């Protein structure tokens, strides 16, 4: 699972869309590296679940990320 995140700059809807694109870009790169795209789910949560809590419209690079969660087979 690749979950995209953003900082608090921009609107909620723009940030959700951006976070989805960010997760999709990671999926594409992993596929280019040989991981089957069928095995990678993506989601975008926008500015929810900030790594570094900030006020609205704060440019915080550490919040712009994709978290990858690996699940063992059969789980």
N, C-alpha and C. Protein backbone atom coordinates (compact mmCIF):
# COMPACT_ATOMS: atom_id res chain seq x y z
N UNK A 1 0.85 -1.17 0.00
CA UNK A 1 0.00 0.00 0.00
C UNK A 1 0.89 1.22 0.00
N UNK A 2 0.64 2.12 -0.95
CA UNK A 2 1.34 3.41 -1.01
C UNK A 2 0.32 4.48 -0.68
N UNK A 3 0.56 5.23 0.39
CA UNK A 3 -0.36 6.27 0.84
C UNK A 3 0.32 7.62 0.71
N UNK A 4 -0.27 8.48 -0.12
CA UNK A 4 0.27 9.81 -0.36
C UNK A 4 -0.23 10.81 0.67
N UNK A 5 0.65 11.76 0.99
CA UNK A 5 0.36 12.82 1.96
C UNK A 5 0.81 14.17 1.38
N UNK A 6 0.24 15.26 1.91
CA UNK A 6 0.66 16.60 1.54
C UNK A 6 0.86 17.45 2.78
N UNK A 7 1.40 18.66 2.57
CA UNK A 7 1.43 19.63 3.66
C UNK A 7 0.08 20.37 3.67
N UNK A 8 -0.03 21.44 4.41
CA UNK A 8 -1.32 22.13 4.57
C UNK A 8 -1.49 23.30 3.61
N UNK A 9 -0.59 23.45 2.65
CA UNK A 9 -0.72 24.52 1.66
C UNK A 9 -1.72 24.07 0.59
N UNK A 10 -2.71 24.90 0.30
CA UNK A 10 -3.70 24.57 -0.72
C UNK A 10 -5.02 24.14 -0.12
N UNK A 11 -5.99 23.89 -1.00
CA UNK A 11 -7.31 23.49 -0.54
C UNK A 11 -7.32 22.00 -0.21
N UNK A 12 -8.30 21.60 0.57
CA UNK A 12 -8.44 20.18 0.92
C UNK A 12 -8.57 19.31 -0.33
N UNK A 13 -9.43 19.73 -1.27
CA UNK A 13 -9.65 18.90 -2.45
C UNK A 13 -8.40 18.84 -3.33
N UNK A 14 -7.68 19.94 -3.46
CA UNK A 14 -6.42 19.92 -4.22
C UNK A 14 -5.39 19.01 -3.56
N UNK A 15 -5.34 19.04 -2.24
CA UNK A 15 -4.36 18.22 -1.52
C UNK A 15 -4.68 16.73 -1.61
N UNK A 16 -5.95 16.39 -1.59
CA UNK A 16 -6.32 14.97 -1.75
C UNK A 16 -5.92 14.51 -3.15
N UNK A 17 -6.22 15.32 -4.16
CA UNK A 17 -5.85 14.95 -5.53
C UNK A 17 -4.33 14.84 -5.67
N UNK A 18 -3.59 15.78 -5.10
CA UNK A 18 -2.13 15.75 -5.16
C UNK A 18 -1.59 14.50 -4.46
N UNK A 19 -2.13 14.18 -3.30
CA UNK A 19 -1.63 13.02 -2.57
C UNK A 19 -1.90 11.72 -3.33
N UNK A 20 -3.02 11.65 -4.05
CA UNK A 20 -3.30 10.48 -4.88
C UNK A 20 -2.32 10.38 -6.04
N UNK A 21 -2.02 11.52 -6.66
CA UNK A 21 -1.02 11.51 -7.75
C UNK A 21 0.35 11.12 -7.23
N UNK A 22 0.69 11.60 -6.06
CA UNK A 22 1.99 11.28 -5.45
C UNK A 22 2.10 9.77 -5.22
N UNK A 23 1.07 9.17 -4.66
CA UNK A 23 1.08 7.72 -4.43
C UNK A 23 1.14 6.96 -5.75
N UNK A 24 0.42 7.45 -6.76
CA UNK A 24 0.45 6.82 -8.07
C UNK A 24 1.83 6.87 -8.71
N UNK A 25 2.54 7.98 -8.50
CA UNK A 25 3.90 8.10 -9.05
C UNK A 25 4.84 7.09 -8.41
N UNK A 26 4.68 6.86 -7.12
CA UNK A 26 5.50 5.85 -6.44
C UNK A 26 5.16 4.46 -6.98
N UNK A 27 3.88 4.19 -7.17
CA UNK A 27 3.47 2.91 -7.74
C UNK A 27 4.11 2.70 -9.11
N UNK A 28 4.11 3.72 -9.93
CA UNK A 28 4.71 3.64 -11.26
C UNK A 28 6.20 3.33 -11.17
N UNK A 29 6.90 4.01 -10.29
CA UNK A 29 8.34 3.78 -10.14
C UNK A 29 8.63 2.36 -9.62
N UNK A 30 7.84 1.90 -8.67
CA UNK A 30 8.03 0.53 -8.17
C UNK A 30 7.77 -0.48 -9.29
N UNK A 31 6.78 -0.21 -10.13
CA UNK A 31 6.50 -1.09 -11.26
C UNK A 31 7.67 -1.11 -12.23
N UNK A 32 8.27 0.05 -12.48
CA UNK A 32 9.45 0.11 -13.35
C UNK A 32 10.62 -0.67 -12.77
N UNK A 33 10.63 -0.80 -11.44
CA UNK A 33 11.69 -1.55 -10.77
C UNK A 33 11.37 -3.03 -10.64
N UNK A 34 10.25 -3.47 -11.21
CA UNK A 34 9.95 -4.89 -11.25
C UNK A 34 8.87 -5.37 -10.30
N UNK A 35 8.30 -4.50 -9.49
CA UNK A 35 7.21 -4.90 -8.60
C UNK A 35 5.91 -4.86 -9.41
N UNK A 36 5.14 -5.91 -9.38
CA UNK A 36 3.89 -5.96 -10.13
C UNK A 36 2.93 -4.87 -9.64
N UNK A 37 2.45 -4.07 -10.58
CA UNK A 37 1.51 -3.02 -10.22
C UNK A 37 0.23 -3.56 -9.61
N UNK A 38 -0.11 -4.82 -9.94
CA UNK A 38 -1.31 -5.45 -9.38
C UNK A 38 -1.19 -5.64 -7.87
N UNK A 39 0.04 -5.65 -7.37
CA UNK A 39 0.27 -5.88 -5.94
C UNK A 39 0.31 -4.59 -5.13
N UNK A 40 0.22 -3.44 -5.80
CA UNK A 40 0.38 -2.16 -5.11
C UNK A 40 -0.94 -1.40 -5.12
N UNK A 41 -1.53 -1.23 -3.96
CA UNK A 41 -2.71 -0.39 -3.81
C UNK A 41 -2.25 1.03 -3.49
N UNK A 42 -3.02 2.01 -3.91
CA UNK A 42 -2.66 3.40 -3.61
C UNK A 42 -3.85 4.11 -2.99
N UNK A 43 -3.53 5.13 -2.19
CA UNK A 43 -4.55 6.01 -1.64
C UNK A 43 -3.90 7.36 -1.37
N UNK A 44 -4.74 8.36 -1.25
CA UNK A 44 -4.26 9.69 -0.91
C UNK A 44 -5.10 10.26 0.22
N UNK A 45 -4.43 10.79 1.22
CA UNK A 45 -5.14 11.32 2.39
C UNK A 45 -4.99 12.83 2.54
N UNK A 46 -4.38 13.47 1.53
CA UNK A 46 -4.23 14.92 1.59
C UNK A 46 -3.42 15.35 2.80
N UNK A 47 -3.95 16.35 3.50
CA UNK A 47 -3.24 16.89 4.66
C UNK A 47 -3.66 16.24 5.98
N UNK A 48 -4.39 15.15 5.90
CA UNK A 48 -4.71 14.39 7.12
C UNK A 48 -3.50 13.59 7.54
N UNK A 49 -3.33 13.34 8.81
CA UNK A 49 -2.23 12.52 9.32
C UNK A 49 -0.86 13.14 9.02
N UNK A 50 -0.69 14.40 9.42
CA UNK A 50 0.58 15.10 9.20
C UNK A 50 1.70 14.45 10.00
N UNK A 51 2.88 14.35 9.40
CA UNK A 51 4.06 13.85 10.11
C UNK A 51 4.53 14.90 11.10
N UNK A 52 4.43 16.18 10.70
CA UNK A 52 4.81 17.31 11.53
C UNK A 52 3.59 18.23 11.63
N UNK A 53 2.93 18.25 12.78
CA UNK A 53 1.74 19.10 12.91
C UNK A 53 2.07 20.57 12.65
N UNK A 54 1.27 21.21 11.80
CA UNK A 54 1.45 22.63 11.48
C UNK A 54 0.09 23.30 11.37
N UNK A 55 0.12 24.62 11.33
CA UNK A 55 -1.09 25.38 11.07
C UNK A 55 -1.40 25.29 9.57
N UNK A 56 -2.55 25.81 9.19
CA UNK A 56 -2.94 25.81 7.78
C UNK A 56 -1.99 26.70 6.97
N UNK A 57 -1.73 26.29 5.73
CA UNK A 57 -0.89 27.03 4.77
C UNK A 57 0.57 27.14 5.18
N UNK A 58 1.07 26.14 5.91
CA UNK A 58 2.48 26.09 6.27
C UNK A 58 3.20 25.12 5.34
N UNK A 59 4.23 25.60 4.69
CA UNK A 59 5.03 24.80 3.77
C UNK A 59 5.99 23.94 4.59
N UNK A 60 5.65 22.67 4.78
CA UNK A 60 6.47 21.75 5.58
C UNK A 60 6.83 20.54 4.73
N UNK A 61 8.07 20.50 4.21
CA UNK A 61 8.48 19.40 3.32
C UNK A 61 8.32 18.01 3.91
N UNK A 62 8.48 17.86 5.21
CA UNK A 62 8.38 16.52 5.81
C UNK A 62 6.97 15.96 5.76
N UNK A 63 5.98 16.81 5.52
CA UNK A 63 4.60 16.33 5.38
C UNK A 63 4.29 15.87 3.97
N UNK A 64 5.11 16.24 3.00
CA UNK A 64 4.91 15.84 1.60
C UNK A 64 5.66 14.53 1.38
N UNK A 65 4.92 13.43 1.45
CA UNK A 65 5.58 12.12 1.44
C UNK A 65 4.62 11.05 0.96
N UNK A 66 5.18 9.86 0.72
CA UNK A 66 4.39 8.65 0.48
C UNK A 66 4.89 7.62 1.47
N UNK A 67 3.97 7.04 2.21
CA UNK A 67 4.30 5.97 3.15
C UNK A 67 3.97 4.65 2.47
N UNK A 68 4.90 3.71 2.56
CA UNK A 68 4.70 2.39 1.96
C UNK A 68 4.54 1.39 3.08
N UNK A 69 3.45 0.64 3.03
CA UNK A 69 3.17 -0.41 4.00
C UNK A 69 3.20 -1.74 3.26
N UNK A 70 3.99 -2.68 3.76
CA UNK A 70 4.11 -3.99 3.13
C UNK A 70 3.37 -4.99 4.00
N UNK A 71 2.51 -5.76 3.38
CA UNK A 71 1.75 -6.78 4.10
C UNK A 71 2.28 -8.15 3.68
N UNK A 72 2.49 -9.00 4.65
CA UNK A 72 2.97 -10.36 4.36
C UNK A 72 1.89 -11.14 3.61
N UNK A 73 2.28 -12.03 2.72
CA UNK A 73 1.30 -12.83 1.98
C UNK A 73 0.36 -13.57 2.92
N UNK A 74 -0.91 -13.61 2.53
CA UNK A 74 -1.90 -14.35 3.31
C UNK A 74 -2.45 -13.58 4.50
N UNK A 75 -2.08 -12.35 4.67
CA UNK A 75 -2.57 -11.59 5.80
C UNK A 75 -3.61 -10.58 5.37
